[in-house]
Amino acid sequence: MRIISGKFGGRRIQPPANMPHTRPTTDIAKEGLFNILQNNLDIEQLKTLDLFGGTGCISYELASRGAKELTIVEKDSKMYEFIKSTAALLPIENISVVKSDVFKFIENAGEQYDFIFAGPPYALTTIDDLPKNIFEKKILSKGGWFVLEHTPRNDYKKFPHYRTERNYGTTIFSIFIQD
């Protein structure tokens, strides 16, 4: 796993060997996503939220490109510790790592974010609740983007706030925008 661009560009991150619940976003898919983001958002001005943080690779990329404020939510203890240690090693100072269930975090979030990324386990049975919960709880700021990573078996084209999707084989990014 590598950081593609920015001040940490080219740095390789070595995640733990045994990650049963974690599936890092591929470099090709991540590169495609960040090309879209860089052409549409001012990353340096973003307050970000990374749900199902996993290895933390999306937030490391955001940090490398100068995101203003980063929050990662991960409930797995091993991955939570990995994210904290990697953030300290890089070093990333404007990051908050929260050990929590994502749905509980959304339910109790008392603030808004400009960019929210969710890369849940593909087998998550409640994946369709994510866009609903994020918009119902109003945690995405006006003009903010929510990107949901999923497989082709999920389709969000009829969901409120849906704008577009990008397909990278078995990885699809659905993009929602708060009006």
Foldseek 3Di string as FASTA:
>chain_A
DAQPDAPRHPDDDDADPDDPFADDDDPVVLVVVVVVCVVPHDLQDWAEEEEQCRQVNNVVNSVRSHHPAYEYEHQDPRSLVNNVVVCVVSPPDRYHYHHDHRLVCLVPPPAATQEYEYEGRQPDPCLVCVVVSCVVSVRHDAFGKYKYKYAPVDDCPPPPQWDDWDDDDRIIITIGTHD
